[in-house]
Amino acid sequence: MTKLKITAGPFTFYGKLEEELAPKTTAVFKSLLPYREKIIHVRWSGEGCWIPLGDLDLGLGYENHTSHPAPGEFILYPGGISETEILLAYGGVDFSSKVGQLAGNHFLTITEGRENLVALGKLTLWKGAQDIVFELAE
């Protein structure tokens, strides 16, 4: 099991890559580590934050995909009818875009620090983009 440290805004989370359920997605994501970006609040999907990746083509299709990630689950939408993105659910999510409902690959689950998910979501909603860093946990 690969464990990641995720620092988002002032919060630190730990999570596990879903290597058995989404082997291709996790392999691609691991190749990007350490990964630094900005996370912003979603526009259409509900209680979630996302990392827009534009037209980035990671060479992925669907695996272990869902439109309703549970709080603490990260999904990666591989692109197609909407832009490529990573989404973190902190509450109820119905993953959508301006073109309608989407499904993303559930590839990472937060296992520690879940008590700060709502605080991260509200911070991002009211204060704007937050730095996020994904790295291998030591």
Protein backbone atom coordinates (compact mmCIF):
# COMPACT_ATOMS: atom_id res chain seq x y z
CA MET A 1 0.00 0.00 0.00
CA THR A 2 1.35 3.41 -0.97
CA LYS A 3 0.71 6.09 1.64
CA LEU A 4 0.68 9.78 0.70
CA LYS A 5 0.99 12.95 2.72
CA ILE A 6 -1.35 15.66 1.43
CA THR A 7 -0.88 19.23 2.62
CA ALA A 8 -3.76 21.49 1.63
CA GLY A 9 -3.88 25.05 2.94
CA PRO A 10 -2.99 24.81 6.67
CA PHE A 11 -4.11 21.16 6.95
CA THR A 12 -2.21 17.90 6.68
CA PHE A 13 -3.90 14.69 5.60
CA TYR A 14 -2.65 11.18 4.95
CA GLY A 15 -4.18 8.87 2.41
CA LYS A 16 -3.76 5.59 0.58
CA LEU A 17 -3.57 5.14 -3.15
CA GLU A 18 -6.27 2.75 -4.43
CA GLU A 19 -3.72 0.67 -6.34
CA GLU A 20 -5.86 -2.48 -6.62
CA LEU A 21 -9.01 -0.66 -7.76
CA ALA A 22 -7.38 1.93 -10.04
CA PRO A 23 -3.92 0.61 -10.98
CA LYS A 24 -3.42 2.73 -14.11
CA THR A 25 -4.59 5.97 -12.49
CA THR A 26 -2.48 5.45 -9.38
CA ALA A 27 0.60 4.59 -11.47
CA VAL A 28 0.23 7.80 -13.48
CA PHE A 29 -0.34 9.87 -10.35
CA LYS A 30 2.67 8.33 -8.58
CA SER A 31 4.83 9.33 -11.57
CA LEU A 32 3.88 12.98 -10.91
CA LEU A 33 4.97 12.99 -7.24
CA PRO A 34 5.75 15.24 -5.55
CA TYR A 35 2.80 17.08 -7.08
CA ARG A 36 2.14 20.76 -6.30
CA GLU A 37 -0.91 22.70 -7.43
CA LYS A 38 -3.70 24.99 -6.28
CA ILE A 39 -7.06 23.63 -5.16
CA ILE A 40 -10.23 25.67 -5.62
CA HIS A 41 -13.87 25.17 -4.70
CA VAL A 42 -16.06 23.34 -7.21
CA ARG A 43 -18.62 25.21 -9.29
CA TRP A 44 -21.22 22.54 -10.09
CA SER A 45 -20.61 19.45 -8.00
CA GLY A 46 -21.56 20.39 -4.43
CA GLU A 47 -19.23 20.06 -1.45
CA GLY A 48 -15.90 19.50 -3.10
CA CYS A 49 -12.66 21.12 -4.15
CA TRP A 50 -10.89 20.58 -7.44
CA ILE A 51 -7.68 21.00 -9.35
CA PRO A 52 -8.43 22.04 -12.95
CA LEU A 53 -5.95 20.51 -15.39
CA GLY A 54 -7.31 21.90 -18.66
CA ASP A 55 -6.60 19.77 -21.72
CA LEU A 56 -3.88 17.69 -20.04
CA ASP A 57 -3.97 14.18 -21.51
CA LEU A 58 -2.72 11.59 -19.02
CA GLY A 59 -3.54 8.70 -21.35
CA LEU A 60 -6.18 7.33 -18.99
CA GLY A 61 -9.64 5.93 -19.46
CA TYR A 62 -12.19 5.01 -16.85
CA GLU A 63 -11.42 2.65 -13.97
CA ASN A 64 -13.06 2.51 -10.55
CA HIS A 65 -15.09 5.53 -11.66
CA THR A 66 -17.92 7.22 -9.80
CA SER A 67 -20.06 10.35 -9.94
CA HIS A 68 -20.62 10.32 -6.17
CA PRO A 69 -17.30 10.18 -4.29
CA ALA A 70 -17.63 9.96 -0.51
CA PRO A 71 -16.03 12.60 1.72
CA GLY A 72 -12.28 12.07 1.71
CA GLU A 73 -12.16 10.45 -1.72
CA PHE A 74 -10.16 11.94 -4.58
CA ILE A 75 -11.29 11.24 -8.14
CA LEU A 76 -9.49 12.01 -11.39
CA TYR A 77 -11.55 12.82 -14.45
CA PRO A 78 -9.36 11.84 -17.44
CA GLY A 79 -10.88 14.41 -19.79
CA GLY A 80 -13.14 14.07 -22.78
CA ILE A 81 -16.33 16.10 -22.75
CA SER A 82 -14.99 18.40 -20.04
CA GLU A 83 -11.51 19.35 -18.91
CA THR A 84 -9.20 16.99 -17.05
CA GLU A 85 -9.40 17.49 -13.29
CA ILE A 86 -8.87 16.09 -9.82
CA LEU A 87 -11.69 16.46 -7.29
CA LEU A 88 -11.77 15.96 -3.52
CA ALA A 89 -15.16 15.46 -1.88
CA TYR A 90 -15.53 16.99 1.59
CA GLY A 91 -19.31 16.47 1.74
CA GLY A 92 -22.08 15.54 -0.68
CA VAL A 93 -20.90 15.52 -4.30
CA ASP A 94 -22.72 14.88 -7.57
CA PHE A 95 -19.75 15.22 -9.93
CA SER A 96 -20.80 17.49 -12.79
CA SER A 97 -19.66 20.20 -15.15
CA LYS A 98 -21.39 22.72 -17.38
CA VAL A 99 -21.93 19.86 -19.87
CA GLY A 100 -23.64 17.63 -17.31
CA GLN A 101 -22.82 14.74 -15.03
CA LEU A 102 -19.32 13.23 -15.17
CA ALA A 103 -17.54 10.26 -13.60
CA GLY A 104 -13.99 10.24 -12.30
CA ASN A 105 -11.58 7.52 -11.26
CA HIS A 106 -11.48 7.07 -7.47
CA PHE A 107 -7.73 6.72 -6.92
CA LEU A 108 -6.92 8.11 -3.47
CA THR A 109 -8.70 7.97 -0.09
CA ILE A 110 -7.87 10.12 2.93
CA THR A 111 -7.30 7.91 5.97
CA GLU A 112 -6.03 10.47 8.50
CA GLY A 113 -7.11 14.07 9.07
CA ARG A 114 -10.68 13.57 7.84
CA GLU A 115 -11.92 15.78 10.68
CA ASN A 116 -10.44 18.76 8.77
CA LEU A 117 -12.14 18.10 5.42
CA VAL A 118 -15.09 20.43 6.01
CA ALA A 119 -12.77 23.15 7.33
CA LEU A 120 -10.65 22.88 4.17
CA GLY A 121 -13.77 23.05 2.00
CA LYS A 122 -15.11 26.14 3.78
CA LEU A 123 -11.70 27.82 3.73
CA THR A 124 -11.44 27.24 -0.01
CA LEU A 125 -15.00 28.42 -0.59
CA TRP A 126 -14.66 31.66 1.37
CA LYS A 127 -10.95 32.50 1.09
CA GLY A 128 -10.11 31.15 -2.37
CA ALA A 129 -7.43 28.92 -3.86
CA GLN A 130 -5.19 26.99 -1.47
CA ASP A 131 -1.83 25.38 -2.11
CA ILE A 132 -1.93 21.58 -2.19
CA VAL A 133 1.03 19.19 -2.19
CA PHE A 134 0.94 15.43 -2.62
CA GLU A 135 4.07 13.48 -1.65
CA LEU A 136 5.06 10.04 -0.49
CA ALA A 137 4.66 9.69 3.27
CA GLU A 138 7.78 8.73 5.18
